Amino acid sequence: MRFTGLLRTIAISSTVGVLMLTMLFSPRAEWPGHSAASADAIVVSPRPPLITPQAERAIENGVRYLVNSQARDGSWRSRSAGGGHPVSMTSLAGLALLAAGNTPTEGPHAENVRRAVNFVLASANRSTGLIARPEETGQSMYAHGYALLFLAEAYGMETDVERQNHIRRVLQQAVRLTERSQSTWGGWYYTPDSANDEGSVTITQVQGLRAARNAGILVSAKTIENAIEYLEKSANPDGGIRYTARRQGGSLPAITAQAVASLYNAGDYQNPVAQRALEFLKRRTGGDLSRLVSEGGHRTYTMFYTSQALYLSGEAEWNAYFPALREHLIRSQNADGSWQGDFVGEIYGTAVAITCLTLPYRHLPIFQR
């Protein structure tokens, strides 16, 4: 299945998107310091609770796989059909390297991060602000949303003033593109010129906007208000969120987890939408949320957002979930250090696995409690 089809199917569960929107109203998160010590390899960082030596080795091997797989132009591409999704894959892989303790200027893989940032910056259209490559024309807003997230996180870690200014200009244009592309219903669709909307793309834009706002980029409050309203209209009585607010449809775990992560990221832990969404996930798994790491057809996508949601929800939920996730990822890692990612490929799977395993290190502001 193509990446488009994968995410199109996943989007059906876009309930969770509502939660992401609210994070834009939270106070700006503090960017963590990145001293030479904190930006070194994971193995020399203090080991957080529940991180075992085996988990550290899995992270190191995964990072090594990504570093060895990076193209000369700084990109990563999926080996699946559909053009390789270069901006999406590069943004997710770059995010994983940041999560593993590297920055554009510090850490053993700083050069790889810089090259990834350069590739994504070079993919930005100077006239429109859209960040995507021609191969991603049919799903360019996914690439755009992931690029917003990656660049915003990298921006706070960049120390070179000229490069900071360059990233800031691209982020500003990208945010304006997202604002202009919002539908009359308050959501987004696969391309910026579409008048349509659906949940998964909407959530991707919201997380990108939230990261940009954290980085000090001005984001329209009206855009966020409209997006929140859109996602609230997408909520089903069972607590999940459907594919689009325009039509009725079933709730799926992947986007529900995405929504929970979004709302918790805003610090709004008592929001009834988030509470109902989390209860929906618990009912679907018989109360054992760790089942989400190995069940369903879109495990990688679901794992990505479930891990964020449960880490942000607090120690009780995280301590009950993470050991199962950790052991599952240790067992399922390939000999070359990679993980398979649903129908998309090893770059996608490895980037997501590393990001999930490194959440306790708190290197990324977007995923901090």
Protein backbone atom coordinates (compact mmCIF):
# COMPACT_ATOMS: atom_id res chain seq x y z
CA MET A 1 0.00 0.00 0.00
CA ARG A 2 1.28 3.46 -0.79
CA PHE A 3 2.04 5.92 2.01
CA THR A 4 -0.93 7.96 0.81
CA GLY A 5 -3.24 5.01 1.15
CA LEU A 6 -1.81 4.10 4.51
CA LEU A 7 -2.39 7.53 5.97
CA ARG A 8 -5.73 7.90 4.20
CA THR A 9 -6.90 4.76 6.00
CA ILE A 10 -5.36 5.84 9.26
CA ALA A 11 -7.08 9.18 8.94
CA ILE A 12 -10.41 7.47 9.45
CA SER A 13 -9.57 7.39 13.13
CA SER A 14 -8.72 11.05 13.25
CA THR A 15 -10.52 11.62 16.45
CA VAL A 16 -7.39 12.32 18.22
CA GLY A 17 -6.63 15.33 16.19
CA VAL A 18 -8.79 17.54 18.30
CA LEU A 19 -6.36 17.22 21.11
CA MET A 20 -3.44 18.48 19.11
CA LEU A 21 -5.07 21.77 18.43
CA THR A 22 -5.40 22.82 21.99
CA MET A 23 -1.69 22.63 22.52
CA LEU A 24 -1.32 25.83 20.59
CA PHE A 25 -2.98 27.71 23.42
CA SER A 26 -0.56 26.50 26.05
CA PRO A 27 2.29 28.70 27.25
CA ARG A 28 5.43 28.41 25.21
CA ALA A 29 7.46 25.44 26.36
CA GLU A 30 10.98 26.03 27.52
CA TRP A 31 13.59 24.83 25.08
CA PRO A 32 15.93 22.44 26.85
CA GLY A 33 19.57 23.30 27.06
CA HIS A 34 21.87 21.39 24.78
CA SER A 35 25.28 21.41 26.32
CA ALA A 36 28.11 19.38 24.90
CA ALA A 37 27.35 16.74 27.50
CA SER A 38 23.59 16.55 26.92
CA ALA A 39 24.02 16.42 23.15
CA ASP A 40 26.46 13.52 23.19
CA ALA A 41 25.46 10.01 22.26
CA ILE A 42 22.62 8.41 24.17
CA VAL A 43 25.01 6.01 25.90
CA VAL A 44 26.74 8.78 27.86
CA SER A 45 23.49 10.46 28.94
CA PRO A 46 22.05 9.61 32.34
CA ARG A 47 19.82 6.58 31.90
CA PRO A 48 16.19 7.48 32.58
CA PRO A 49 13.84 5.11 34.38
CA LEU A 50 12.74 2.06 32.34
CA ILE A 51 15.60 2.50 29.83
CA THR A 52 17.67 -0.68 29.95
CA PRO A 53 21.11 -1.36 28.46
CA GLN A 54 19.35 -3.44 25.81
CA ALA A 55 17.12 -0.48 24.94
CA GLU A 56 20.18 1.75 24.68
CA ARG A 57 21.80 -0.67 22.26
CA ALA A 58 18.61 -0.80 20.20
CA ILE A 59 18.60 3.00 19.97
CA GLU A 60 22.28 3.11 19.03
CA ASN A 61 21.83 0.46 16.35
CA GLY A 62 18.78 2.24 14.98
CA VAL A 63 20.59 5.55 14.83
CA ARG A 64 23.51 3.86 13.07
CA TYR A 65 21.10 2.45 10.47
CA LEU A 66 19.66 5.90 9.76
CA VAL A 67 23.08 7.52 9.54
CA ASN A 68 24.31 4.87 7.11
CA SER A 69 21.14 5.17 5.03
CA GLN A 70 21.22 8.93 4.54
CA ALA A 71 21.73 10.01 0.92
CA ARG A 72 24.46 12.42 -0.15
CA ASP A 73 21.94 15.23 -0.54
CA GLY A 74 20.93 14.83 3.12
CA SER A 75 17.64 13.08 2.43
CA TRP A 76 16.08 9.78 3.35
CA ARG A 77 13.55 8.11 1.07
CA SER A 78 11.19 5.25 1.58
CA ARG A 79 11.85 2.16 -0.50
CA SER A 80 8.13 1.61 -0.96
CA ALA A 81 6.14 2.73 -3.98
CA GLY A 82 5.03 6.31 -4.31
CA GLY A 83 8.15 8.34 -5.00
CA GLY A 84 9.95 7.73 -1.72
CA HIS A 85 8.29 10.60 0.22
CA PRO A 86 11.62 12.43 0.60
CA VAL A 87 10.52 15.39 2.74
CA SER A 88 8.30 13.26 4.99
CA MET A 89 10.99 10.61 5.51
CA THR A 90 13.80 13.15 5.96
CA SER A 91 11.78 15.11 8.50
CA LEU A 92 10.87 12.02 10.53
CA ALA A 93 14.42 10.61 10.39
CA GLY A 94 15.87 14.00 11.32
CA LEU A 95 13.43 14.23 14.21
CA ALA A 96 14.62 10.82 15.43
CA LEU A 97 18.26 11.97 15.42
CA LEU A 98 17.26 15.04 17.43
CA ALA A 99 15.34 12.80 19.86
CA ALA A 100 18.46 10.66 20.26
CA GLY A 101 20.43 13.63 21.57
CA ASN A 102 21.91 15.21 18.44
CA THR A 103 21.48 18.82 17.38
CA PRO A 104 22.51 20.68 14.21
CA THR A 105 25.72 21.71 15.97
CA GLU A 106 26.44 19.13 18.69
CA GLY A 107 26.44 15.39 19.15
CA PRO A 108 28.08 12.58 17.20
CA HIS A 109 25.62 12.95 14.34
CA ALA A 110 25.32 16.72 14.16
CA GLU A 111 26.51 16.66 10.55
CA ASN A 112 23.68 14.30 9.60
CA VAL A 113 21.16 16.60 11.26
CA ARG A 114 22.59 19.63 9.44
CA ARG A 115 22.37 17.84 6.10
CA ALA A 116 18.77 16.86 6.81
CA VAL A 117 17.89 20.44 7.72
CA ASN A 118 19.57 21.66 4.53
CA PHE A 119 17.57 19.23 2.40
CA VAL A 120 14.26 20.23 3.95
CA LEU A 121 15.09 23.93 3.63
CA ALA A 122 15.98 23.40 -0.03
CA SER A 123 12.60 21.70 -0.53
CA ALA A 124 10.68 24.86 0.41
CA ASN A 125 8.99 26.79 -2.38
CA ARG A 126 10.04 30.41 -1.92
CA SER A 127 6.91 31.82 -3.55
CA THR A 128 4.25 29.65 -1.87
CA GLY A 129 5.89 28.46 1.35
CA LEU A 130 5.00 24.81 0.68
CA ILE A 131 7.71 22.38 1.85
CA ALA A 132 7.56 19.32 -0.41
CA ARG A 133 9.26 17.71 -3.39
CA PRO A 134 7.62 17.00 -6.77
CA GLU A 135 7.38 13.29 -5.87
CA GLU A 136 5.02 14.26 -3.04
CA THR A 137 2.61 16.36 -5.08
CA GLY A 138 -0.38 14.14 -4.35
CA GLN A 139 0.16 14.28 -0.57
CA SER A 140 2.24 17.39 -0.15
CA MET A 141 0.54 18.56 3.04
CA TYR A 142 1.82 15.51 4.92
CA ALA A 143 5.36 16.42 3.88
CA HIS A 144 4.68 20.04 4.77
CA GLY A 145 3.39 19.20 8.27
CA TYR A 146 6.28 16.91 9.16
CA ALA A 147 8.75 19.47 7.79
CA LEU A 148 7.21 22.18 9.98
CA LEU A 149 7.64 19.94 13.02
CA PHE A 150 11.24 18.99 12.25
CA LEU A 151 12.43 22.48 11.34
CA ALA A 152 10.76 24.05 14.38
CA GLU A 153 12.49 21.58 16.71
CA ALA A 154 15.85 22.05 14.95
CA TYR A 155 15.46 25.84 15.01
CA GLY A 156 15.57 25.94 18.80
CA MET A 157 18.82 23.97 18.79
CA GLU A 158 20.62 25.94 16.07
CA THR A 159 23.40 28.28 17.25
CA ASP A 160 24.47 29.87 13.97
CA VAL A 161 22.60 33.17 13.59
CA GLU A 162 22.54 33.11 9.79
CA ARG A 163 21.10 29.61 9.73
CA GLN A 164 18.63 30.52 12.45
CA ASN A 165 17.36 33.37 10.30
CA HIS A 166 17.08 31.09 7.27
CA ILE A 167 15.08 28.48 9.18
CA ARG A 168 12.89 31.18 10.68
CA ARG A 169 12.03 32.64 7.26
CA VAL A 170 11.10 29.21 5.92
CA LEU A 171 8.99 28.49 9.01
CA GLN A 172 7.18 31.80 8.71
CA GLN A 173 6.32 31.16 5.07
CA ALA A 174 5.31 27.58 5.84
CA VAL A 175 2.95 28.70 8.60
CA ARG A 176 1.34 31.23 6.28
CA LEU A 177 0.83 28.47 3.67
CA THR A 178 -0.88 26.28 6.26
CA GLU A 179 -3.11 29.16 7.32
CA ARG A 180 -4.12 29.93 3.71
CA SER A 181 -4.82 26.27 2.99
CA GLN A 182 -7.34 25.73 5.77
CA SER A 183 -10.77 24.74 4.45
CA THR A 184 -13.98 26.56 5.27
CA TRP A 185 -14.74 23.71 7.66
CA GLY A 186 -11.48 24.34 9.54
CA GLY A 187 -9.41 21.35 8.40
CA TRP A 188 -6.84 20.45 5.77
CA TYR A 189 -6.57 17.91 2.97
CA TYR A 190 -3.76 16.21 1.03
CA THR A 191 -2.86 19.24 -1.10
CA PRO A 192 -2.90 22.95 -0.22
CA ASP A 193 -5.18 23.90 -3.12
CA SER A 194 -7.97 21.53 -2.10
CA ALA A 195 -11.19 22.80 -0.58
CA ASN A 196 -11.64 19.48 1.19
CA ASP A 197 -10.46 18.28 4.60
CA GLU A 198 -9.84 15.17 6.71
CA GLY A 199 -8.57 14.37 10.16
CA SER A 200 -5.05 12.99 9.80
CA VAL A 201 -3.75 15.82 7.61
CA THR A 202 -5.44 18.30 9.92
CA ILE A 203 -3.66 16.84 12.93
CA THR A 204 -0.31 16.88 11.12
CA GLN A 205 -0.72 20.59 10.42
CA VAL A 206 -1.72 21.28 14.01
CA GLN A 207 1.36 19.61 15.46
CA GLY A 208 3.55 21.52 13.00
CA LEU A 209 1.86 24.78 13.96
CA ARG A 210 2.28 24.02 17.64
CA ALA A 211 5.99 23.36 17.21
CA ALA A 212 6.37 26.56 15.19
CA ARG A 213 4.56 28.55 17.87
CA ASN A 214 6.87 27.09 20.52
CA ALA A 215 9.77 28.29 18.41
CA GLY A 216 8.42 31.84 18.50
CA ILE A 217 6.72 31.92 15.09
CA LEU A 218 3.44 33.86 14.98
CA VAL A 219 0.46 31.55 14.40
CA SER A 220 -3.05 32.87 13.77
CA ALA A 221 -5.35 32.24 16.73
CA LYS A 222 -8.31 32.10 14.34
CA THR A 223 -6.68 29.28 12.40
CA ILE A 224 -6.36 27.29 15.60
CA GLU A 225 -9.89 28.07 16.76
CA ASN A 226 -11.30 26.86 13.45
CA ALA A 227 -9.19 23.71 13.56
CA ILE A 228 -10.30 22.90 17.11
CA GLU A 229 -13.91 23.33 16.10
CA TYR A 230 -13.35 21.07 13.10
CA LEU A 231 -11.90 18.29 15.21
CA GLU A 232 -14.57 18.60 17.85
CA LYS A 233 -17.17 18.13 15.12
CA SER A 234 -15.29 15.00 14.04
CA ALA A 235 -15.68 13.35 17.44
CA ASN A 236 -17.92 10.30 17.67
CA PRO A 237 -20.11 9.38 20.65
CA ASP A 238 -17.74 6.51 21.50
CA GLY A 239 -14.90 8.97 22.12
CA GLY A 240 -13.04 8.36 18.87
CA ILE A 241 -12.64 10.71 15.94
CA ARG A 242 -13.67 9.90 12.40
CA TYR A 243 -12.06 10.55 9.04
CA THR A 244 -13.80 13.85 8.38
CA ALA A 245 -16.24 16.18 10.07
CA ARG A 246 -18.29 16.28 6.89
CA ARG A 247 -19.48 12.67 7.03
CA GLN A 248 -20.23 9.98 9.57
CA GLY A 249 -17.67 7.22 10.01
CA GLY A 250 -16.08 4.87 12.49
CA SER A 251 -13.40 5.65 15.06
CA LEU A 252 -9.94 4.08 14.83
CA PRO A 253 -7.18 3.85 17.46
CA ALA A 254 -4.38 5.56 15.52
CA ILE A 255 -5.90 9.01 15.28
CA THR A 256 -7.49 8.71 18.70
CA ALA A 257 -4.02 8.30 20.17
CA GLN A 258 -2.86 11.23 18.05
CA ALA A 259 -5.60 13.40 19.53
CA VAL A 260 -4.77 12.46 23.10
CA ALA A 261 -1.12 13.33 22.51
CA SER A 262 -2.10 16.70 21.10
CA LEU A 263 -4.31 17.76 23.94
CA TYR A 264 -1.91 16.56 26.61
CA ASN A 265 0.85 18.41 24.82
CA ALA A 266 -1.18 21.52 25.51
CA GLY A 267 -1.22 20.70 29.20
CA ASP A 268 -5.01 20.31 29.13
CA TYR A 269 -5.15 16.97 30.92
CA GLN A 270 -8.74 17.44 32.07
CA ASN A 271 -10.16 18.13 28.63
CA PRO A 272 -13.26 15.91 28.20
CA VAL A 273 -12.37 15.14 24.58
CA ALA A 274 -8.98 13.80 25.66
CA GLN A 275 -10.50 11.81 28.50
CA ARG A 276 -13.12 10.22 26.25
CA ALA A 277 -10.47 9.47 23.63
CA LEU A 278 -8.24 7.73 26.15
CA GLU A 279 -11.21 5.74 27.46
CA PHE A 280 -11.99 4.73 23.87
CA LEU A 281 -8.45 3.35 23.52
CA LYS A 282 -8.71 1.48 26.81
CA ARG A 283 -11.99 -0.13 25.79
CA ARG A 284 -10.56 -1.18 22.44
CA THR A 285 -7.62 -2.91 24.16
CA GLY A 286 -9.46 -4.35 27.14
CA GLY A 287 -7.63 -1.91 29.39
CA ASP A 288 -4.18 -3.02 28.22
CA LEU A 289 -2.88 -0.17 26.05
CA SER A 290 0.36 -2.05 25.42
CA ARG A 291 -1.61 -4.20 22.96
CA LEU A 292 -1.54 -1.26 20.58
CA VAL A 293 2.17 -1.87 19.89
CA SER A 294 1.49 -5.17 18.16
CA GLU A 295 -2.11 -5.14 16.94
CA GLY A 296 -3.80 -3.66 13.91
CA GLY A 297 -2.71 -2.89 10.37
CA HIS A 298 -1.07 0.46 11.11
CA ARG A 299 1.02 -0.43 14.13
CA THR A 300 3.87 1.99 13.53
CA TYR A 301 1.61 5.00 13.14
CA THR A 302 -0.48 4.00 16.14
CA MET A 303 2.65 3.35 18.23
CA PHE A 304 4.07 6.78 17.35
CA TYR A 305 1.12 8.66 18.79
CA THR A 306 0.13 6.26 21.54
CA SER A 307 3.65 6.52 22.96
CA GLN A 308 3.48 10.31 22.94
CA ALA A 309 0.02 10.31 24.54
CA LEU A 310 0.91 7.91 27.34
CA TYR A 311 4.26 9.52 28.07
CA LEU A 312 2.53 12.88 28.44
CA SER A 313 -0.29 11.41 30.52
CA GLY A 314 2.01 10.72 33.46
CA GLU A 315 4.04 8.00 35.14
CA ALA A 316 1.22 5.60 35.92
CA GLU A 317 0.07 5.14 32.33
CA TRP A 318 3.62 5.29 30.96
CA ASN A 319 5.03 2.75 33.42
CA ALA A 320 2.26 0.32 32.51
CA TYR A 321 2.84 0.78 28.77
CA PHE A 322 6.51 1.40 28.08
CA PRO A 323 8.06 -1.91 29.21
CA ALA A 324 5.88 -3.78 26.70
CA LEU A 325 6.74 -1.27 23.98
CA ARG A 326 10.45 -1.47 24.83
CA GLU A 327 10.56 -5.27 24.73
CA HIS A 328 8.50 -5.40 21.55
CA LEU A 329 10.90 -3.04 19.79
CA ILE A 330 13.98 -4.88 21.04
CA ARG A 331 12.55 -8.17 19.74
CA SER A 332 11.38 -6.80 16.40
CA GLN A 333 14.54 -4.88 15.46
CA ASN A 334 16.24 -6.22 12.33
CA ALA A 335 19.88 -7.34 12.34
CA ASP A 336 20.94 -4.16 10.51
CA GLY A 337 19.39 -1.96 13.23
CA SER A 338 16.24 -1.09 11.33
CA TRP A 339 12.56 -1.64 12.04
CA GLN A 340 9.92 -2.30 9.42
CA GLY A 341 7.33 0.46 9.29
CA ASP A 342 3.89 -0.78 8.31
CA PHE A 343 3.67 -0.67 4.51
CA VAL A 344 6.05 2.26 4.16
CA GLY A 345 9.46 0.76 4.86
CA GLU A 346 12.47 0.70 7.16
CA ILE A 347 13.27 4.43 7.24
CA TYR A 348 9.79 5.20 8.50
CA GLY A 349 9.75 2.33 10.97
CA THR A 350 13.22 3.10 12.33
CA ALA A 351 12.56 6.80 12.73
CA VAL A 352 9.35 6.16 14.67
CA ALA A 353 10.88 3.42 16.85
CA ILE A 354 13.82 5.62 17.86
CA THR A 355 11.53 8.54 18.65
CA CYS A 356 9.33 6.34 20.86
CA LEU A 357 12.25 4.71 22.71
CA THR A 358 13.93 8.05 23.42
CA LEU A 359 10.90 9.89 24.84
CA PRO A 360 12.23 9.51 28.43
CA TYR A 361 15.39 11.42 27.50
CA ARG A 362 13.27 14.57 26.97
CA HIS A 363 15.41 15.96 24.16
CA LEU A 364 12.47 17.32 22.14
CA PRO A 365 10.33 20.17 23.53
CA ILE A 366 7.26 19.03 21.56
CA PHE A 367 7.15 15.74 23.48
CA GLN A 368 7.92 17.02 26.98
CA ARG A 369 5.57 16.69 29.93
